[in-house]
Every structure is written in structure tokens, then in C-alpha cells.
Amino acid sequence: MERSKTAVRLGIAVLIIFHIIGLIGFSLESTRSLFQQLVPFNLLLAIGLLGYFHRIWTRSFGIFCLLIALAGFGVEVAGIQSGIIFGAYAYDTALGPKIWGTPPMIGINWLMLVYAAGISLQGLRLPKWALAAAGASLLVLLDFIMEPVAIAFDFWHWMEADIPLQNYIAWWAIAWLMLMYFLYLPIKKQNPLAGVLLVIQFVFFGFLRMGLLAFSQ
């Protein structure tokens, strides 16, 4: 169902306001621990709004959402347990309760990012494989910006001093496969919040990363 322009504006405003509050909360030492505990709720809010503004829900789209969330969680479990896929790392507390050392919310995060990237690139006149490659590259860039922030705020940590290159290679390959699945879905790929949310993610983690760099100097 197509939502009204007023509802879209309200949805965008909610996303922006909540991320501004989060930016302030993470930046202040007195409120940082509280906002770390609220990360899963922010993810649920974002994915909930995306779901609400998705143009038409179909069975195939519902299956896509379920499979991507499960695949995202599954590949992270495999990565944690083996240390082979992304490198040796472990999750901390900010993403909530863990199963097999992995927070289920990371599957929601994969779904949110893949969906937002897939929708945002629809306007590009490229073959599907190239669109998926562009989307995967965009998500790897976001991960690159996010990594120091995630480490500093207890999302996860690496066993080595440097983040391994294989992390970014694995991110790209997995995101490309997920985006290919999304792009070949026979559904309406329209959502007025998807591009906005992706931009907000870049701005949010970009500002936090700049804050960390300023603090370290």
C-alpha cells in the first residue's frame, strides 16, 4: 500500500531525530552505556519503518526478508565459530543477547542494509550484476567507516590489531549474493525511506568516526 506524503515525511523525521539523539547519546560519556543498550531497539525501529513503507508485500518478499535475516545471522555464526570467513573476531554487548556467540540482531542489520542498498540503486541503468556490485561496494564502504566506531562502542572486536582485508572481501561477496537475490525478485522495489536511511547510516557513523579521530589526537 502506498503511504501518504505526510506519513513519509513523518517516517523520515523519526529516523533523523532518533539518529541525532543517538549521535548525541554516543558522544557523551555520561549517556554512552545507556545508548549502547538501545542499539537493538534502534535497529528494530529502522527495519520496522522500512517494512511499513515497503510498497507491496508479497509472499516472495516475505520469504526474502526471512532468508536474508537468517543467512546474515548464519554467516556471522560461521564466521565467529571458525574465524575463517571474516577473520578472528567476537561480538560484545551492544547488539544484544547472543546465540552461539552471535547476536540475532546482526541478521536484521544485514537485511536492513541489503534492502536499503538494493532499493536505493534502482535508478541506475546497469545490468543486475553491476547493480549488485555497486550496492556491495557501497556497503563495504559503510563497513569501513563503521568498523572503528563498532569497536569503540562494544559492537564487536577483532583478535588482531588490524582489521583483516578478508573482512571486506567477505562483506562484498556476501552482500553481492544477497543483492542479486533481491534484484531478481519479481516484486515492486519501491520505498521512500530506503535511500534516506542509507544516507543517515553514512552520516551517523561518519560523524562518530570523526569524533573518535578528534578525541585520539
N, C-alpha and C. Protein backbone atom coordinates (compact mmCIF):
# COMPACT_ATOMS: atom_id res chain seq x y z
N MET A 1 0.84 -1.20 0.00
CA MET A 1 0.00 0.00 0.00
C MET A 1 0.88 1.25 0.00
N GLU A 2 0.57 2.21 -0.84
CA GLU A 2 1.35 3.44 -0.90
C GLU A 2 0.93 4.35 0.24
N ARG A 3 1.92 4.88 0.95
CA ARG A 3 1.65 5.74 2.10
C ARG A 3 1.55 7.20 1.65
N SER A 4 0.85 8.01 2.43
CA SER A 4 0.68 9.41 2.09
C SER A 4 2.00 10.17 2.25
N LYS A 5 2.08 11.33 1.62
CA LYS A 5 3.30 12.14 1.72
C LYS A 5 3.53 12.57 3.16
N THR A 6 2.46 12.82 3.90
CA THR A 6 2.60 13.21 5.30
C THR A 6 3.22 12.07 6.11
N ALA A 7 2.76 10.84 5.85
CA ALA A 7 3.30 9.68 6.57
C ALA A 7 4.78 9.49 6.23
N VAL A 8 5.13 9.70 4.95
CA VAL A 8 6.53 9.56 4.54
C VAL A 8 7.39 10.61 5.25
N ARG A 9 6.93 11.84 5.28
CA ARG A 9 7.69 12.89 5.96
C ARG A 9 7.85 12.57 7.44
N LEU A 10 6.81 12.05 8.05
CA LEU A 10 6.87 11.69 9.46
C LEU A 10 7.87 10.56 9.68
N GLY A 11 7.84 9.56 8.81
CA GLY A 11 8.78 8.45 8.92
C GLY A 11 10.22 8.90 8.80
N ILE A 12 10.47 9.79 7.82
CA ILE A 12 11.83 10.33 7.64
C ILE A 12 12.25 11.14 8.87
N ALA A 13 11.33 11.94 9.38
CA ALA A 13 11.62 12.75 10.56
C ALA A 13 11.97 11.88 11.76
N VAL A 14 11.24 10.79 11.94
CA VAL A 14 11.51 9.87 13.05
C VAL A 14 12.92 9.29 12.93
N LEU A 15 13.28 8.84 11.73
CA LEU A 15 14.62 8.29 11.51
C LEU A 15 15.70 9.32 11.82
N ILE A 16 15.53 10.53 11.32
CA ILE A 16 16.54 11.57 11.53
C ILE A 16 16.64 11.93 13.00
N ILE A 17 15.50 12.14 13.67
CA ILE A 17 15.51 12.55 15.07
C ILE A 17 16.14 11.48 15.95
N PHE A 18 15.77 10.22 15.73
CA PHE A 18 16.31 9.14 16.56
C PHE A 18 17.82 9.00 16.36
N HIS A 19 18.30 9.20 15.14
CA HIS A 19 19.74 9.09 14.90
C HIS A 19 20.50 10.31 15.45
N ILE A 20 19.88 11.47 15.41
CA ILE A 20 20.51 12.65 16.04
C ILE A 20 20.63 12.44 17.54
N ILE A 21 19.55 11.94 18.15
CA ILE A 21 19.59 11.65 19.59
C ILE A 21 20.66 10.61 19.89
N GLY A 22 20.72 9.58 19.03
CA GLY A 22 21.74 8.54 19.21
C GLY A 22 23.15 9.09 19.06
N LEU A 23 23.34 9.99 18.11
CA LEU A 23 24.65 10.60 17.90
C LEU A 23 25.09 11.37 19.15
N ILE A 24 24.17 12.11 19.71
CA ILE A 24 24.48 12.86 20.94
C ILE A 24 24.73 11.90 22.10
N GLY A 25 23.87 10.88 22.21
CA GLY A 25 24.00 9.92 23.31
C GLY A 25 25.30 9.16 23.29
N PHE A 26 25.76 8.76 22.10
CA PHE A 26 27.03 8.05 21.99
C PHE A 26 28.22 8.98 22.21
N SER A 27 28.04 10.25 21.92
CA SER A 27 29.15 11.20 22.03
C SER A 27 29.41 11.63 23.46
N LEU A 28 28.40 11.51 24.32
CA LEU A 28 28.55 11.92 25.73
C LEU A 28 28.90 10.71 26.58
N GLU A 29 29.95 10.80 27.35
CA GLU A 29 30.38 9.67 28.17
C GLU A 29 29.33 9.29 29.21
N SER A 30 28.59 10.28 29.70
CA SER A 30 27.59 10.03 30.75
C SER A 30 26.40 9.21 30.26
N THR A 31 26.12 9.24 28.95
CA THR A 31 24.95 8.53 28.41
C THR A 31 25.33 7.37 27.49
N ARG A 32 26.62 7.17 27.27
CA ARG A 32 27.07 6.20 26.28
C ARG A 32 26.59 4.78 26.58
N SER A 33 26.72 4.35 27.82
CA SER A 33 26.34 2.97 28.17
C SER A 33 24.85 2.74 27.96
N LEU A 34 24.04 3.74 28.25
CA LEU A 34 22.59 3.62 28.03
C LEU A 34 22.30 3.46 26.54
N PHE A 35 22.92 4.26 25.71
CA PHE A 35 22.65 4.20 24.27
C PHE A 35 23.21 2.94 23.63
N GLN A 36 24.24 2.37 24.21
CA GLN A 36 24.72 1.08 23.74
C GLN A 36 23.66 0.01 23.93
N GLN A 37 22.94 0.09 25.04
CA GLN A 37 21.87 -0.88 25.31
C GLN A 37 20.67 -0.67 24.39
N LEU A 38 20.54 0.52 23.82
CA LEU A 38 19.38 0.84 22.97
C LEU A 38 19.62 0.51 21.49
N VAL A 39 20.82 0.08 21.14
CA VAL A 39 21.14 -0.20 19.73
C VAL A 39 20.16 -1.20 19.10
N PRO A 40 19.84 -2.34 19.76
CA PRO A 40 18.88 -3.27 19.13
C PRO A 40 17.52 -2.65 18.87
N PHE A 41 17.07 -1.76 19.76
CA PHE A 41 15.76 -1.12 19.58
C PHE A 41 15.80 -0.14 18.40
N ASN A 42 16.94 0.52 18.19
CA ASN A 42 17.07 1.41 17.04
C ASN A 42 17.03 0.61 15.73
N LEU A 43 17.68 -0.55 15.73
CA LEU A 43 17.63 -1.41 14.54
C LEU A 43 16.21 -1.88 14.25
N LEU A 44 15.49 -2.26 15.30
CA LEU A 44 14.11 -2.72 15.12
C LEU A 44 13.22 -1.58 14.63
N LEU A 45 13.45 -0.37 15.13
CA LEU A 45 12.69 0.78 14.66
C LEU A 45 12.94 1.01 13.17
N ALA A 46 14.21 0.97 12.77
CA ALA A 46 14.57 1.23 11.37
C ALA A 46 13.97 0.17 10.44
N ILE A 47 14.12 -1.11 10.80
CA ILE A 47 13.59 -2.16 9.93
C ILE A 47 12.07 -2.15 9.93
N GLY A 48 11.47 -1.76 11.06
CA GLY A 48 10.02 -1.66 11.14
C GLY A 48 9.48 -0.57 10.22
N LEU A 49 10.16 0.57 10.19
CA LEU A 49 9.73 1.66 9.31
C LEU A 49 9.93 1.29 7.84
N LEU A 50 11.04 0.62 7.55
CA LEU A 50 11.24 0.17 6.17
C LEU A 50 10.12 -0.78 5.74
N GLY A 51 9.78 -1.71 6.63
CA GLY A 51 8.71 -2.66 6.33
C GLY A 51 7.37 -1.96 6.14
N TYR A 52 7.11 -0.95 6.95
CA TYR A 52 5.84 -0.22 6.87
C TYR A 52 5.70 0.52 5.55
N PHE A 53 6.82 1.06 5.05
CA PHE A 53 6.76 1.85 3.83
C PHE A 53 7.10 1.06 2.57
N HIS A 54 7.35 -0.25 2.72
CA HIS A 54 7.55 -1.07 1.52
C HIS A 54 6.25 -1.07 0.71
N ARG A 55 6.37 -0.91 -0.60
CA ARG A 55 5.19 -0.64 -1.44
C ARG A 55 4.17 -1.77 -1.39
N ILE A 56 4.56 -2.98 -1.73
CA ILE A 56 3.61 -4.10 -1.79
C ILE A 56 4.25 -5.33 -1.17
N TRP A 57 3.61 -5.86 -0.14
CA TRP A 57 4.10 -7.09 0.48
C TRP A 57 3.55 -8.30 -0.27
N THR A 58 4.45 -9.21 -0.63
CA THR A 58 4.06 -10.44 -1.28
C THR A 58 4.71 -11.61 -0.55
N ARG A 59 4.30 -12.81 -0.89
CA ARG A 59 4.88 -14.00 -0.27
C ARG A 59 6.38 -14.08 -0.56
N SER A 60 6.76 -13.81 -1.81
CA SER A 60 8.17 -13.91 -2.18
C SER A 60 9.01 -12.88 -1.44
N PHE A 61 8.44 -11.69 -1.19
CA PHE A 61 9.19 -10.68 -0.44
C PHE A 61 9.33 -11.08 1.02
N GLY A 62 8.27 -11.64 1.59
CA GLY A 62 8.36 -12.12 2.97
C GLY A 62 9.41 -13.21 3.13
N ILE A 63 9.46 -14.12 2.15
CA ILE A 63 10.48 -15.19 2.19
C ILE A 63 11.87 -14.59 2.07
N PHE A 64 12.01 -13.60 1.19
CA PHE A 64 13.30 -12.91 1.04
C PHE A 64 13.76 -12.33 2.38
N CYS A 65 12.88 -11.61 3.07
CA CYS A 65 13.23 -11.00 4.35
C CYS A 65 13.68 -12.04 5.36
N LEU A 66 12.93 -13.13 5.44
CA LEU A 66 13.27 -14.20 6.38
C LEU A 66 14.61 -14.84 6.03
N LEU A 67 14.80 -15.15 4.75
CA LEU A 67 16.03 -15.84 4.34
C LEU A 67 17.27 -14.96 4.50
N ILE A 68 17.16 -13.68 4.18
CA ILE A 68 18.32 -12.78 4.31
C ILE A 68 18.67 -12.60 5.78
N ALA A 69 17.67 -12.43 6.64
CA ALA A 69 17.94 -12.28 8.08
C ALA A 69 18.60 -13.55 8.62
N LEU A 70 18.09 -14.71 8.23
CA LEU A 70 18.66 -15.98 8.70
C LEU A 70 20.05 -16.21 8.11
N ALA A 71 20.22 -15.87 6.83
CA ALA A 71 21.53 -16.04 6.19
C ALA A 71 22.57 -15.11 6.80
N GLY A 72 22.16 -13.88 7.07
CA GLY A 72 23.07 -12.93 7.70
C GLY A 72 23.51 -13.40 9.07
N PHE A 73 22.55 -13.89 9.84
CA PHE A 73 22.88 -14.44 11.17
C PHE A 73 23.75 -15.68 11.02
N GLY A 74 23.38 -16.57 10.09
CA GLY A 74 24.11 -17.82 9.91
C GLY A 74 25.55 -17.62 9.50
N VAL A 75 25.80 -16.69 8.58
CA VAL A 75 27.17 -16.47 8.12
C VAL A 75 28.01 -15.84 9.23
N GLU A 76 27.36 -15.05 10.08
CA GLU A 76 28.10 -14.47 11.21
C GLU A 76 28.42 -15.53 12.26
N VAL A 77 27.48 -16.44 12.49
CA VAL A 77 27.76 -17.56 13.41
C VAL A 77 28.95 -18.37 12.89
N ALA A 78 28.91 -18.68 11.60
CA ALA A 78 30.01 -19.44 11.00
C ALA A 78 31.32 -18.66 11.10
N GLY A 79 31.25 -17.36 10.90
CA GLY A 79 32.44 -16.53 11.00
C GLY A 79 33.02 -16.49 12.40
N ILE A 80 32.14 -16.37 13.38
CA ILE A 80 32.58 -16.34 14.78
C ILE A 80 33.20 -17.67 15.18
N GLN A 81 32.51 -18.75 14.82
CA GLN A 81 32.94 -20.07 15.27
C GLN A 81 34.22 -20.53 14.56
N SER A 82 34.41 -20.13 13.31
CA SER A 82 35.55 -20.63 12.54
C SER A 82 36.71 -19.65 12.47
N GLY A 83 36.39 -18.37 12.49
CA GLY A 83 37.43 -17.36 12.29
C GLY A 83 37.95 -17.31 10.87
N ILE A 84 37.27 -18.00 9.96
CA ILE A 84 37.76 -18.12 8.58
C ILE A 84 37.13 -17.09 7.64
N ILE A 85 35.83 -16.87 7.76
CA ILE A 85 35.11 -16.06 6.77
C ILE A 85 35.55 -14.59 6.79
N PHE A 86 35.41 -13.96 7.96
CA PHE A 86 35.74 -12.55 8.09
C PHE A 86 37.10 -12.31 8.75
N GLY A 87 37.62 -13.32 9.41
CA GLY A 87 38.78 -13.17 10.27
C GLY A 87 38.35 -13.49 11.70
N ALA A 88 39.31 -13.41 12.61
CA ALA A 88 39.03 -13.75 14.02
C ALA A 88 38.46 -12.54 14.75
N TYR A 89 37.19 -12.64 15.16
CA TYR A 89 36.54 -11.54 15.86
C TYR A 89 35.51 -12.12 16.83
N ALA A 90 34.96 -11.25 17.68
CA ALA A 90 33.92 -11.68 18.62
C ALA A 90 32.98 -10.52 18.87
N TYR A 91 31.73 -10.84 19.11
CA TYR A 91 30.74 -9.81 19.42
C TYR A 91 30.79 -9.44 20.88
N ASP A 92 30.55 -8.17 21.16
CA ASP A 92 30.47 -7.68 22.53
C ASP A 92 28.99 -7.53 22.91
N THR A 93 28.63 -6.52 23.64
CA THR A 93 27.30 -6.46 24.24
C THR A 93 26.30 -5.55 23.53
N ALA A 94 26.76 -4.62 22.70
CA ALA A 94 25.88 -3.56 22.20
C ALA A 94 24.75 -4.04 21.31
N LEU A 95 24.94 -5.17 20.62
CA LEU A 95 23.90 -5.66 19.72
C LEU A 95 22.92 -6.62 20.39
N GLY A 96 23.02 -6.73 21.71
CA GLY A 96 22.03 -7.51 22.45
C GLY A 96 22.44 -8.95 22.70
N PRO A 97 21.48 -9.75 23.18
CA PRO A 97 21.75 -11.16 23.53
C PRO A 97 22.31 -11.95 22.36
N LYS A 98 23.10 -12.97 22.69
CA LYS A 98 23.79 -13.75 21.66
C LYS A 98 23.38 -15.22 21.70
N ILE A 99 23.38 -15.82 20.53
CA ILE A 99 23.20 -17.27 20.37
C ILE A 99 24.44 -17.77 19.62
N TRP A 100 25.11 -18.76 20.17
CA TRP A 100 26.36 -19.26 19.57
C TRP A 100 27.36 -18.13 19.37
N GLY A 101 27.40 -17.21 20.33
CA GLY A 101 28.35 -16.11 20.27
C GLY A 101 27.97 -14.99 19.32
N THR A 102 26.75 -15.05 18.76
CA THR A 102 26.34 -14.08 17.74
C THR A 102 24.96 -13.50 18.07
N PRO A 103 24.82 -12.17 18.08
CA PRO A 103 23.51 -11.57 18.32
C PRO A 103 22.59 -11.74 17.11
N PRO A 104 21.39 -12.27 17.29
CA PRO A 104 20.45 -12.37 16.16
C PRO A 104 20.19 -11.05 15.47
N MET A 105 20.38 -9.93 16.18
CA MET A 105 20.13 -8.63 15.58
C MET A 105 21.05 -8.35 14.40
N ILE A 106 22.18 -9.05 14.32
CA ILE A 106 23.08 -8.82 13.18
C ILE A 106 22.43 -9.31 11.89
N GLY A 107 21.55 -10.31 11.98
CA GLY A 107 20.80 -10.74 10.80
C GLY A 107 19.84 -9.66 10.34
N ILE A 108 19.21 -8.98 11.30
CA ILE A 108 18.33 -7.85 10.98
C ILE A 108 19.12 -6.73 10.32
N ASN A 109 20.34 -6.51 10.81
CA ASN A 109 21.19 -5.48 10.24
C ASN A 109 21.55 -5.79 8.79
N TRP A 110 21.88 -7.05 8.50
CA TRP A 110 22.15 -7.46 7.12
C TRP A 110 20.93 -7.19 6.23
N LEU A 111 19.76 -7.58 6.70
CA LEU A 111 18.53 -7.38 5.93
C LEU A 111 18.30 -5.90 5.66
N MET A 112 18.44 -5.08 6.69
CA MET A 112 18.20 -3.64 6.57
C MET A 112 19.12 -3.02 5.52
N LEU A 113 20.42 -3.35 5.60
CA LEU A 113 21.39 -2.73 4.71
C LEU A 113 21.25 -3.22 3.27
N VAL A 114 21.04 -4.52 3.09
CA VAL A 114 20.89 -5.07 1.74
C VAL A 114 19.63 -4.51 1.08
N TYR A 115 18.54 -4.47 1.82
CA TYR A 115 17.29 -3.94 1.28
C TYR A 115 17.44 -2.46 0.92
N ALA A 116 18.00 -1.67 1.84
CA ALA A 116 18.15 -0.23 1.60
C ALA A 116 19.05 0.04 0.41
N ALA A 117 20.14 -0.71 0.29
CA ALA A 117 21.05 -0.52 -0.85
C ALA A 117 20.38 -0.94 -2.15
N GLY A 118 19.68 -2.07 -2.12
CA GLY A 118 19.02 -2.56 -3.32
C GLY A 118 17.97 -1.59 -3.85
N ILE A 119 17.19 -1.03 -2.95
CA ILE A 119 16.18 -0.05 -3.35
C ILE A 119 16.82 1.23 -3.86
N SER A 120 17.87 1.69 -3.17
CA SER A 120 18.48 2.98 -3.49
C SER A 120 19.12 3.03 -4.86
N LEU A 121 19.57 1.87 -5.37
CA LEU A 121 20.29 1.83 -6.64
C LEU A 121 19.40 1.52 -7.83
N GLN A 122 18.10 1.46 -7.61
CA GLN A 122 17.16 1.08 -8.68
C GLN A 122 17.21 2.03 -9.87
N GLY A 123 17.55 3.29 -9.62
CA GLY A 123 17.53 4.27 -10.70
C GLY A 123 18.69 4.15 -11.67
N LEU A 124 19.72 3.41 -11.30
CA LEU A 124 20.89 3.26 -12.18
C LEU A 124 20.58 2.28 -13.32
N ARG A 125 20.92 2.68 -14.54
CA ARG A 125 20.66 1.83 -15.70
C ARG A 125 21.86 0.91 -15.93
N LEU A 126 21.93 -0.12 -15.12
CA LEU A 126 23.02 -1.08 -15.17
C LEU A 126 22.46 -2.49 -15.15
N PRO A 127 23.20 -3.46 -15.67
CA PRO A 127 22.78 -4.86 -15.51
C PRO A 127 22.67 -5.20 -14.02
N LYS A 128 21.88 -6.21 -13.73
CA LYS A 128 21.66 -6.56 -12.32
C LYS A 128 22.95 -6.91 -11.60
N TRP A 129 23.86 -7.62 -12.27
CA TRP A 129 25.12 -7.99 -11.61
C TRP A 129 25.93 -6.74 -11.26
N ALA A 130 25.86 -5.71 -12.12
CA ALA A 130 26.59 -4.48 -11.87
C ALA A 130 25.93 -3.66 -10.76
N LEU A 131 24.59 -3.67 -10.73
CA LEU A 131 23.88 -3.02 -9.63
C LEU A 131 24.24 -3.67 -8.30
N ALA A 132 24.28 -5.00 -8.30
CA ALA A 132 24.64 -5.72 -7.07
C ALA A 132 26.07 -5.40 -6.67
N ALA A 133 26.97 -5.27 -7.65
CA ALA A 133 28.36 -4.93 -7.36
C ALA A 133 28.47 -3.52 -6.78
N ALA A 134 27.70 -2.58 -7.33
CA ALA A 134 27.70 -1.22 -6.82
C ALA A 134 27.15 -1.18 -5.39
N GLY A 135 26.07 -1.93 -5.15
CA GLY A 135 25.50 -1.98 -3.81
C GLY A 135 26.44 -2.61 -2.80
N ALA A 136 27.09 -3.71 -3.21
CA ALA A 136 28.05 -4.37 -2.32
C ALA A 136 29.21 -3.45 -2.00
N SER A 137 29.69 -2.70 -2.99
CA SER A 137 30.79 -1.76 -2.77
C SER A 137 30.36 -0.65 -1.81
N LEU A 138 29.13 -0.19 -1.96
CA LEU A 138 28.60 0.84 -1.05
C LEU A 138 28.55 0.33 0.38
N LEU A 139 28.12 -0.91 0.57
CA LEU A 139 28.03 -1.47 1.92
C LEU A 139 29.41 -1.74 2.52
N VAL A 140 30.37 -2.10 1.68
CA VAL A 140 31.74 -2.27 2.19
C VAL A 140 32.31 -0.93 2.64
N LEU A 141 32.01 0.12 1.89
CA LEU A 141 32.44 1.47 2.30
C LEU A 141 31.83 1.83 3.65
N LEU A 142 30.54 1.52 3.82
CA LEU A 142 29.89 1.78 5.10
C LEU A 142 30.55 0.98 6.22
N ASP A 143 30.87 -0.28 5.94
CA ASP A 143 31.53 -1.11 6.95
C ASP A 143 32.90 -0.53 7.31
N PHE A 144 33.63 -0.03 6.32
CA PHE A 144 34.93 0.57 6.56
C PHE A 144 34.81 1.78 7.50
N ILE A 145 33.79 2.59 7.26
CA ILE A 145 33.55 3.76 8.13
C ILE A 145 33.12 3.31 9.52
N MET A 146 32.32 2.26 9.57
CA MET A 146 31.72 1.80 10.81
C MET A 146 32.68 1.08 11.75
N GLU A 147 33.66 0.39 11.20
CA GLU A 147 34.50 -0.52 12.00
C GLU A 147 35.10 0.12 13.25
N PRO A 148 35.80 1.27 13.16
CA PRO A 148 36.37 1.85 14.38
C PRO A 148 35.30 2.24 15.41
N VAL A 149 34.14 2.66 14.91
CA VAL A 149 33.04 3.02 15.80
C VAL A 149 32.51 1.79 16.52
N ALA A 150 32.30 0.72 15.74
CA ALA A 150 31.78 -0.53 16.31
C ALA A 150 32.72 -1.08 17.38
N ILE A 151 34.01 -0.98 17.13
CA ILE A 151 34.99 -1.48 18.10
C ILE A 151 34.98 -0.61 19.36
N ALA A 152 34.94 0.71 19.18
CA ALA A 152 34.98 1.63 20.32
C ALA A 152 33.74 1.53 21.20
N PHE A 153 32.59 1.21 20.59
CA PHE A 153 31.34 1.21 21.34
C PHE A 153 30.78 -0.19 21.60
N ASP A 154 31.66 -1.18 21.60
CA ASP A 154 31.32 -2.54 22.06
C ASP A 154 30.31 -3.27 21.17
N PHE A 155 30.34 -3.01 19.88
CA PHE A 155 29.55 -3.83 18.97
C PHE A 155 30.27 -5.18 18.78
N TRP A 156 31.56 -5.09 18.42
CA TRP A 156 32.40 -6.28 18.26
C TRP A 156 33.86 -5.87 18.39
N HIS A 157 34.75 -6.85 18.44
CA HIS A 157 36.18 -6.55 18.48
C HIS A 157 36.94 -7.62 17.70
N TRP A 158 38.11 -7.24 17.22
CA TRP A 158 38.96 -8.14 16.45
C TRP A 158 40.07 -8.70 17.33
N MET A 159 40.47 -9.92 17.05
CA MET A 159 41.53 -10.56 17.83
C MET A 159 42.91 -10.03 17.44
N GLU A 160 43.02 -9.45 16.25
CA GLU A 160 44.27 -8.88 15.79
C GLU A 160 44.22 -7.36 15.90
N ALA A 161 45.37 -6.74 15.86
CA ALA A 161 45.44 -5.28 15.99
C ALA A 161 44.78 -4.59 14.79
N ASP A 162 44.98 -5.15 13.60
CA ASP A 162 44.43 -4.57 12.38
C ASP A 162 43.24 -5.38 11.88
N ILE A 163 42.26 -4.69 11.31
CA ILE A 163 41.11 -5.38 10.73
C ILE A 163 41.58 -6.08 9.46
N PRO A 164 41.37 -7.39 9.36
CA PRO A 164 41.90 -8.13 8.19
C PRO A 164 41.20 -7.74 6.89
N LEU A 165 41.94 -7.75 5.80
CA LEU A 165 41.38 -7.45 4.49
C LEU A 165 40.27 -8.42 4.12
N GLN A 166 40.37 -9.66 4.58
CA GLN A 166 39.36 -10.65 4.23
C GLN A 166 37.98 -10.28 4.76
N ASN A 167 37.92 -9.45 5.81
CA ASN A 167 36.63 -8.98 6.30
C ASN A 167 35.87 -8.23 5.21
N TYR A 168 36.58 -7.33 4.54
CA TYR A 168 35.94 -6.52 3.50
C TYR A 168 35.64 -7.34 2.25
N ILE A 169 36.52 -8.26 1.93
CA ILE A 169 36.28 -9.14 0.78
C ILE A 169 35.04 -10.00 1.03
N ALA A 170 34.95 -10.58 2.23
CA ALA A 170 33.79 -11.41 2.57
C ALA A 170 32.51 -10.59 2.60
N TRP A 171 32.59 -9.39 3.17
CA TRP A 171 31.43 -8.49 3.19
C TRP A 171 30.93 -8.24 1.77
N TRP A 172 31.87 -7.94 0.87
CA TRP A 172 31.48 -7.63 -0.51
C TRP A 172 30.83 -8.84 -1.17
N ALA A 173 31.44 -9.99 -1.05
CA ALA A 173 30.93 -11.19 -1.71
C ALA A 173 29.55 -11.58 -1.19
N ILE A 174 29.37 -11.54 0.12
CA ILE A 174 28.08 -11.92 0.71
C ILE A 174 27.01 -10.90 0.34
N ALA A 175 27.35 -9.62 0.42
CA ALA A 175 26.40 -8.57 0.05
C ALA A 175 26.01 -8.68 -1.42
N TRP A 176 26.97 -9.01 -2.29
CA TRP A 176 26.68 -9.15 -3.72
C TRP A 176 25.68 -10.27 -3.96
N LEU A 177 25.87 -11.41 -3.31
CA LEU A 177 24.94 -12.53 -3.47
C LEU A 177 23.54 -12.16 -2.97
N MET A 178 23.47 -11.51 -1.82
CA MET A 178 22.18 -11.12 -1.26
C MET A 178 21.48 -10.10 -2.16
N LEU A 179 22.24 -9.16 -2.69
CA LEU A 179 21.66 -8.16 -3.57
C LEU A 179 21.20 -8.77 -4.89
N MET A 180 21.93 -9.75 -5.40
CA MET A 180 21.49 -10.43 -6.61
C MET A 180 20.13 -11.10 -6.37
N TYR A 181 19.99 -11.73 -5.24
CA TYR A 181 18.71 -12.35 -4.88
C TYR A 181 17.61 -11.30 -4.87
N PHE A 182 17.88 -10.17 -4.21
CA PHE A 182 16.87 -9.11 -4.12
C PHE A 182 16.52 -8.55 -5.49
N LEU A 183 17.52 -8.29 -6.31
CA LEU A 183 17.28 -7.66 -7.61
C LEU A 183 16.50 -8.55 -8.56
N TYR A 184 16.60 -9.86 -8.40
CA TYR A 184 15.85 -10.78 -9.26
C TYR A 184 14.47 -11.12 -8.71
N LEU A 185 14.13 -10.58 -7.54
CA LEU A 185 12.78 -10.82 -7.01
C LEU A 185 11.74 -10.15 -7.90
N PRO A 186 10.68 -10.85 -8.25
CA PRO A 186 9.63 -10.25 -9.08
C PRO A 186 8.64 -9.44 -8.24
N ILE A 187 9.13 -8.34 -7.66
CA ILE A 187 8.29 -7.51 -6.78
C ILE A 187 8.51 -6.04 -7.12
N LYS A 188 7.59 -5.20 -6.62
CA LYS A 188 7.77 -3.76 -6.70
C LYS A 188 8.86 -3.35 -5.73
N LYS A 189 9.92 -2.73 -6.22
CA LYS A 189 11.04 -2.34 -5.36
C LYS A 189 10.99 -0.83 -5.15
N GLN A 190 10.06 -0.42 -4.30
CA GLN A 190 9.87 1.00 -4.02
C GLN A 190 9.73 1.20 -2.52
N ASN A 191 10.47 2.17 -2.00
CA ASN A 191 10.37 2.52 -0.59
C ASN A 191 10.98 3.91 -0.41
N PRO A 192 10.18 4.90 -0.03
CA PRO A 192 10.69 6.28 0.08
C PRO A 192 11.67 6.49 1.23
N LEU A 193 11.77 5.52 2.14
CA LEU A 193 12.67 5.68 3.28
C LEU A 193 14.03 5.01 3.06
N ALA A 194 14.14 4.14 2.08
CA ALA A 194 15.35 3.32 1.93
C ALA A 194 16.59 4.16 1.69
N GLY A 195 16.54 5.04 0.70
CA GLY A 195 17.70 5.88 0.41
C GLY A 195 18.04 6.80 1.56
N VAL A 196 17.02 7.35 2.20
CA VAL A 196 17.22 8.25 3.34
C VAL A 196 17.93 7.51 4.47
N LEU A 197 17.48 6.30 4.76
CA LEU A 197 18.10 5.52 5.84
C LEU A 197 19.56 5.22 5.53
N LEU A 198 19.86 4.90 4.28
CA LEU A 198 21.25 4.60 3.91
C LEU A 198 22.13 5.83 4.10
N VAL A 199 21.65 6.98 3.68
CA VAL A 199 22.41 8.22 3.87
C VAL A 199 22.60 8.50 5.36
N ILE A 200 21.55 8.29 6.14
CA ILE A 200 21.64 8.51 7.59
C ILE A 200 22.70 7.62 8.21
N GLN A 201 22.78 6.36 7.75
CA GLN A 201 23.79 5.45 8.28
C GLN A 201 25.20 5.98 8.02
N PHE A 202 25.44 6.47 6.82
CA PHE A 202 26.75 7.02 6.49
C PHE A 202 27.05 8.26 7.33
N VAL A 203 26.08 9.13 7.48
CA VAL A 203 26.29 10.35 8.26
C VAL A 203 26.50 10.02 9.73
N PHE A 204 25.67 9.13 10.27
CA PHE A 204 25.74 8.76 11.69
C PHE A 204 27.11 8.18 12.04
N PHE A 205 27.52 7.16 11.31
CA PHE A 205 28.81 6.52 11.62
C PHE A 205 29.99 7.40 11.19
N GLY A 206 29.79 8.22 10.16
CA GLY A 206 30.85 9.14 9.76
C GLY A 206 31.15 10.16 10.84
N PHE A 207 30.12 10.74 11.43
CA PHE A 207 30.31 11.72 12.50
C PHE A 207 30.94 11.07 13.73
N LEU A 208 30.47 9.87 14.08
CA LEU A 208 31.06 9.18 15.23
C LEU A 208 32.52 8.85 14.98
N ARG A 209 32.85 8.46 13.76
CA ARG A 209 34.25 8.15 13.44
C ARG A 209 35.10 9.41 13.53
N MET A 210 34.60 10.52 13.02
CA MET A 210 35.35 11.78 13.12
C MET A 210 35.55 12.19 14.57
N GLY A 211 34.53 11.93 15.41
CA GLY A 211 34.65 12.22 16.82
C GLY A 211 35.74 11.39 17.49
N LEU A 212 35.81 10.13 17.10
CA LEU A 212 36.86 9.26 17.65
C LEU A 212 38.24 9.74 17.22
N LEU A 213 38.37 10.16 15.96
CA LEU A 213 39.65 10.65 15.48
C LEU A 213 40.07 11.93 16.20
N ALA A 214 39.10 12.82 16.42
CA ALA A 214 39.38 14.07 17.12
C ALA A 214 39.79 13.80 18.57
N PHE A 215 39.13 12.84 19.19
CA PHE A 215 39.42 12.51 20.59
C PHE A 215 40.80 11.89 20.74
N SER A 216 41.23 11.12 19.74
CA SER A 216 42.51 10.42 19.82
C SER A 216 43.71 11.33 19.58
N GLN A 217 43.46 12.53 19.04
CA GLN A 217 44.56 13.44 18.74
C GLN A 217 44.94 14.29 19.96
